[in-house]
């Protein structure tokens, strides 16, 4: 397997793990993107919908949620410890 093919396989594998995580957290099937949607930039709307849905679910669980910010606003990103489930 070439390095490029191996990298593409790893990307798809990582995305499938993320999608499975989203499903386990409660994101409904209709709001999940497919790995190929992101890798090939086919349906970025679905990717955004998945992230938005996951954010709502995490907020209900008391986890930090993404906030809409202006392009000029400074964003403070929470530490990885704050994001642990």
N, C-alpha and C. Protein backbone atom coordinates (compact mmCIF):
# COMPACT_ATOMS: atom_id res chain seq x y z
N UNK A 1 0.85 -1.17 0.00
CA UNK A 1 0.00 0.00 0.00
C UNK A 1 0.90 1.24 0.00
N UNK A 2 0.59 2.19 -0.85
CA UNK A 2 1.39 3.41 -0.91
C UNK A 2 1.10 4.28 0.31
N UNK A 3 2.00 5.23 0.56
CA UNK A 3 1.81 6.13 1.69
C UNK A 3 0.53 6.95 1.53
N UNK A 4 0.25 7.39 0.30
CA UNK A 4 -0.95 8.18 0.04
C UNK A 4 -2.22 7.35 0.30
N UNK A 5 -2.22 6.11 -0.17
CA UNK A 5 -3.38 5.23 0.05
C UNK A 5 -3.55 4.93 1.53
N UNK A 6 -2.45 4.72 2.23
CA UNK A 6 -2.50 4.45 3.66
C UNK A 6 -3.06 5.65 4.41
N UNK A 7 -2.65 6.85 4.02
CA UNK A 7 -3.14 8.07 4.64
C UNK A 7 -4.63 8.25 4.40
N UNK A 8 -5.08 8.00 3.19
CA UNK A 8 -6.51 8.11 2.86
C UNK A 8 -7.32 7.10 3.67
N UNK A 9 -6.80 5.88 3.79
CA UNK A 9 -7.47 4.86 4.58
C UNK A 9 -7.58 5.30 6.03
N UNK A 10 -6.50 5.87 6.58
CA UNK A 10 -6.49 6.32 7.97
C UNK A 10 -7.49 7.46 8.17
N UNK A 11 -7.57 8.38 7.21
CA UNK A 11 -8.54 9.47 7.30
C UNK A 11 -9.96 8.92 7.38
N UNK A 12 -10.28 8.00 6.48
CA UNK A 12 -11.62 7.42 6.46
C UNK A 12 -11.89 6.67 7.76
N UNK A 13 -10.91 5.94 8.24
CA UNK A 13 -11.07 5.18 9.48
C UNK A 13 -11.32 6.12 10.67
N UNK A 14 -10.55 7.20 10.75
CA UNK A 14 -10.74 8.18 11.83
C UNK A 14 -12.11 8.83 11.75
N UNK A 15 -12.54 9.16 10.55
CA UNK A 15 -13.85 9.78 10.39
C UNK A 15 -14.96 8.81 10.78
N UNK A 16 -14.82 7.55 10.43
CA UNK A 16 -15.83 6.55 10.82
C UNK A 16 -15.89 6.42 12.34
N UNK A 17 -14.75 6.49 13.01
CA UNK A 17 -14.73 6.46 14.47
C UNK A 17 -15.46 7.68 15.04
N UNK A 18 -15.22 8.85 14.45
CA UNK A 18 -15.90 10.07 14.90
C UNK A 18 -17.41 9.96 14.68
N UNK A 19 -17.81 9.48 13.52
CA UNK A 19 -19.24 9.33 13.21
C UNK A 19 -19.89 8.35 14.18
N UNK A 20 -19.19 7.27 14.50
CA UNK A 20 -19.70 6.30 15.47
C UNK A 20 -19.84 6.94 16.85
N UNK A 21 -18.86 7.76 17.24
CA UNK A 21 -18.95 8.50 18.50
C UNK A 21 -20.19 9.39 18.51
N UNK A 22 -20.41 10.11 17.42
CA UNK A 22 -21.59 10.99 17.33
C UNK A 22 -22.87 10.19 17.50
N UNK A 23 -22.95 9.06 16.83
CA UNK A 23 -24.12 8.18 16.92
C UNK A 23 -24.34 7.74 18.37
N UNK A 24 -23.27 7.33 19.04
CA UNK A 24 -23.38 6.87 20.43
C UNK A 24 -23.79 7.99 21.38
N UNK A 25 -23.47 9.23 21.03
CA UNK A 25 -23.85 10.37 21.86
C UNK A 25 -25.30 10.77 21.63
N UNK A 26 -25.91 10.26 20.54
CA UNK A 26 -27.32 10.54 20.30
C UNK A 26 -27.64 11.31 19.04
N UNK A 27 -26.65 11.58 18.21
CA UNK A 27 -26.92 12.25 16.93
C UNK A 27 -27.72 11.27 16.07
N UNK A 28 -28.88 11.71 15.59
CA UNK A 28 -29.73 10.82 14.81
C UNK A 28 -29.14 10.60 13.42
N UNK A 29 -29.47 9.46 12.84
CA UNK A 29 -28.92 9.05 11.55
C UNK A 29 -29.09 10.13 10.49
N UNK A 30 -30.25 10.78 10.46
CA UNK A 30 -30.51 11.80 9.44
C UNK A 30 -29.59 13.00 9.56
N UNK A 31 -28.96 13.18 10.72
CA UNK A 31 -28.07 14.33 10.93
C UNK A 31 -26.59 13.95 10.88
N UNK A 32 -26.29 12.71 10.53
CA UNK A 32 -24.90 12.26 10.43
C UNK A 32 -24.39 12.40 9.01
N UNK A 33 -23.17 12.93 8.86
CA UNK A 33 -22.55 12.95 7.54
C UNK A 33 -21.90 11.61 7.27
N UNK A 34 -21.55 11.37 6.04
CA UNK A 34 -20.78 10.19 5.66
C UNK A 34 -19.33 10.63 5.51
N UNK A 35 -18.41 9.75 5.82
CA UNK A 35 -16.98 10.10 5.75
C UNK A 35 -16.61 10.68 4.40
N UNK A 36 -17.14 10.11 3.34
CA UNK A 36 -16.83 10.57 1.99
C UNK A 36 -17.33 12.01 1.76
N UNK A 37 -18.39 12.41 2.49
CA UNK A 37 -18.90 13.78 2.36
C UNK A 37 -17.82 14.80 2.70
N UNK A 38 -17.01 14.49 3.71
CA UNK A 38 -15.95 15.41 4.12
C UNK A 38 -14.68 15.20 3.31
N UNK A 39 -14.26 13.97 3.14
CA UNK A 39 -13.00 13.68 2.44
C UNK A 39 -13.02 14.23 1.03
N UNK A 40 -14.15 14.09 0.35
CA UNK A 40 -14.25 14.56 -1.04
C UNK A 40 -14.99 15.88 -1.15
N UNK A 41 -15.26 16.53 -0.02
CA UNK A 41 -15.97 17.82 0.02
C UNK A 41 -17.26 17.77 -0.80
N UNK A 42 -18.00 16.68 -0.67
CA UNK A 42 -19.25 16.50 -1.42
C UNK A 42 -20.43 17.21 -0.78
N UNK A 43 -20.56 17.06 0.54
CA UNK A 43 -21.75 17.57 1.22
C UNK A 43 -21.33 18.18 2.55
N UNK A 44 -20.72 19.35 2.47
CA UNK A 44 -20.22 20.00 3.69
C UNK A 44 -21.36 20.49 4.58
N UNK A 45 -22.54 20.70 4.00
CA UNK A 45 -23.71 21.06 4.81
C UNK A 45 -24.00 19.95 5.82
N UNK A 46 -23.93 18.69 5.38
CA UNK A 46 -24.18 17.56 6.28
C UNK A 46 -23.12 17.49 7.38
N UNK A 47 -21.89 17.82 7.05
CA UNK A 47 -20.83 17.84 8.05
C UNK A 47 -21.16 18.89 9.11
N UNK A 48 -21.56 20.07 8.67
CA UNK A 48 -21.93 21.14 9.61
C UNK A 48 -23.14 20.74 10.46
N UNK A 49 -24.11 20.07 9.85
CA UNK A 49 -25.29 19.63 10.58
C UNK A 49 -24.90 18.65 11.68
N UNK A 50 -24.00 17.73 11.37
CA UNK A 50 -23.54 16.76 12.37
C UNK A 50 -22.86 17.48 13.53
N UNK A 51 -21.96 18.41 13.21
CA UNK A 51 -21.25 19.14 14.26
C UNK A 51 -22.20 19.96 15.12
N UNK A 52 -23.18 20.59 14.48
CA UNK A 52 -24.17 21.38 15.20
C UNK A 52 -25.00 20.49 16.13
N UNK A 53 -25.44 19.36 15.63
CA UNK A 53 -26.22 18.43 16.43
C UNK A 53 -25.41 17.90 17.61
N UNK A 54 -24.17 17.52 17.36
CA UNK A 54 -23.30 17.05 18.44
C UNK A 54 -23.09 18.15 19.49
N UNK A 55 -22.93 19.38 19.04
CA UNK A 55 -22.77 20.50 19.96
C UNK A 55 -23.97 20.68 20.87
N UNK A 56 -25.18 20.57 20.31
CA UNK A 56 -26.40 20.68 21.11
C UNK A 56 -26.47 19.57 22.16
N UNK A 57 -26.14 18.35 21.74
CA UNK A 57 -26.19 17.21 22.65
C UNK A 57 -25.16 17.38 23.77
N UNK A 58 -23.96 17.79 23.43
CA UNK A 58 -22.91 17.97 24.43
C UNK A 58 -23.29 19.08 25.41
N UNK A 59 -23.91 20.14 24.90
CA UNK A 59 -24.33 21.23 25.78
C UNK A 59 -25.36 20.72 26.79
N UNK A 60 -26.30 19.88 26.35
CA UNK A 60 -27.29 19.30 27.26
C UNK A 60 -26.63 18.44 28.32
N UNK A 61 -25.48 17.86 27.99
CA UNK A 61 -24.73 17.02 28.93
C UNK A 61 -23.78 17.85 29.79
N UNK A 62 -23.83 19.18 29.65
CA UNK A 62 -23.01 20.05 30.47
C UNK A 62 -21.60 20.27 29.95
N UNK A 63 -21.34 19.88 28.72
CA UNK A 63 -20.02 20.07 28.11
C UNK A 63 -19.99 21.38 27.34
N UNK A 64 -18.81 21.98 27.20
CA UNK A 64 -18.71 23.22 26.42
C UNK A 64 -19.21 23.01 25.00
N UNK A 65 -19.89 24.01 24.50
CA UNK A 65 -20.48 23.92 23.16
C UNK A 65 -19.88 25.01 22.28
N UNK A 66 -19.75 24.76 20.98
CA UNK A 66 -19.26 25.80 20.08
C UNK A 66 -20.20 27.00 20.09
N UNK A 67 -19.66 28.16 20.01
CA UNK A 67 -20.46 29.39 19.97
C UNK A 67 -20.18 30.12 18.66
N UNK A 68 -21.17 30.82 18.17
CA UNK A 68 -20.97 31.63 16.97
C UNK A 68 -20.17 32.87 17.35
N UNK A 69 -19.13 33.15 16.61
CA UNK A 69 -18.30 34.31 16.88
C UNK A 69 -18.05 35.06 15.58
N UNK A 70 -17.79 36.35 15.72
CA UNK A 70 -17.47 37.13 14.53
C UNK A 70 -16.02 36.86 14.14
N UNK A 71 -15.68 37.19 12.93
CA UNK A 71 -14.33 36.93 12.42
C UNK A 71 -13.28 37.71 13.20
N UNK A 72 -13.65 38.83 13.80
CA UNK A 72 -12.68 39.65 14.51
C UNK A 72 -12.59 39.31 16.00
N UNK A 73 -13.47 38.45 16.49
CA UNK A 73 -13.51 38.12 17.90
C UNK A 73 -12.41 37.10 18.26
N UNK A 74 -11.80 37.28 19.42
CA UNK A 74 -10.80 36.33 19.90
C UNK A 74 -11.54 35.17 20.55
N UNK A 75 -11.15 33.95 20.20
CA UNK A 75 -11.82 32.76 20.72
C UNK A 75 -10.93 32.07 21.74
N UNK A 76 -11.47 31.81 22.92
CA UNK A 76 -10.77 31.04 23.94
C UNK A 76 -11.24 29.60 23.83
N UNK A 77 -10.35 28.71 23.44
CA UNK A 77 -10.70 27.31 23.26
C UNK A 77 -10.49 26.58 24.58
N UNK A 78 -11.50 25.81 25.03
CA UNK A 78 -11.34 25.10 26.30
C UNK A 78 -10.23 24.05 26.22
N UNK A 79 -9.65 23.75 27.37
CA UNK A 79 -8.61 22.72 27.39
C UNK A 79 -9.21 21.36 27.07
N UNK A 80 -8.38 20.43 26.68
CA UNK A 80 -8.88 19.08 26.37
C UNK A 80 -9.46 18.41 27.60
N UNK A 81 -8.97 18.76 28.80
CA UNK A 81 -9.54 18.18 30.02
C UNK A 81 -10.99 18.59 30.20
N UNK A 82 -11.33 19.82 29.84
CA UNK A 82 -12.70 20.30 29.96
C UNK A 82 -13.63 19.60 28.98
N UNK A 83 -13.09 19.04 27.92
CA UNK A 83 -13.90 18.40 26.90
C UNK A 83 -14.06 16.90 27.12
N UNK A 84 -13.37 16.34 28.08
CA UNK A 84 -13.44 14.89 28.32
C UNK A 84 -14.85 14.49 28.73
N UNK A 85 -15.25 13.31 28.24
CA UNK A 85 -16.56 12.78 28.59
C UNK A 85 -16.41 11.97 29.84
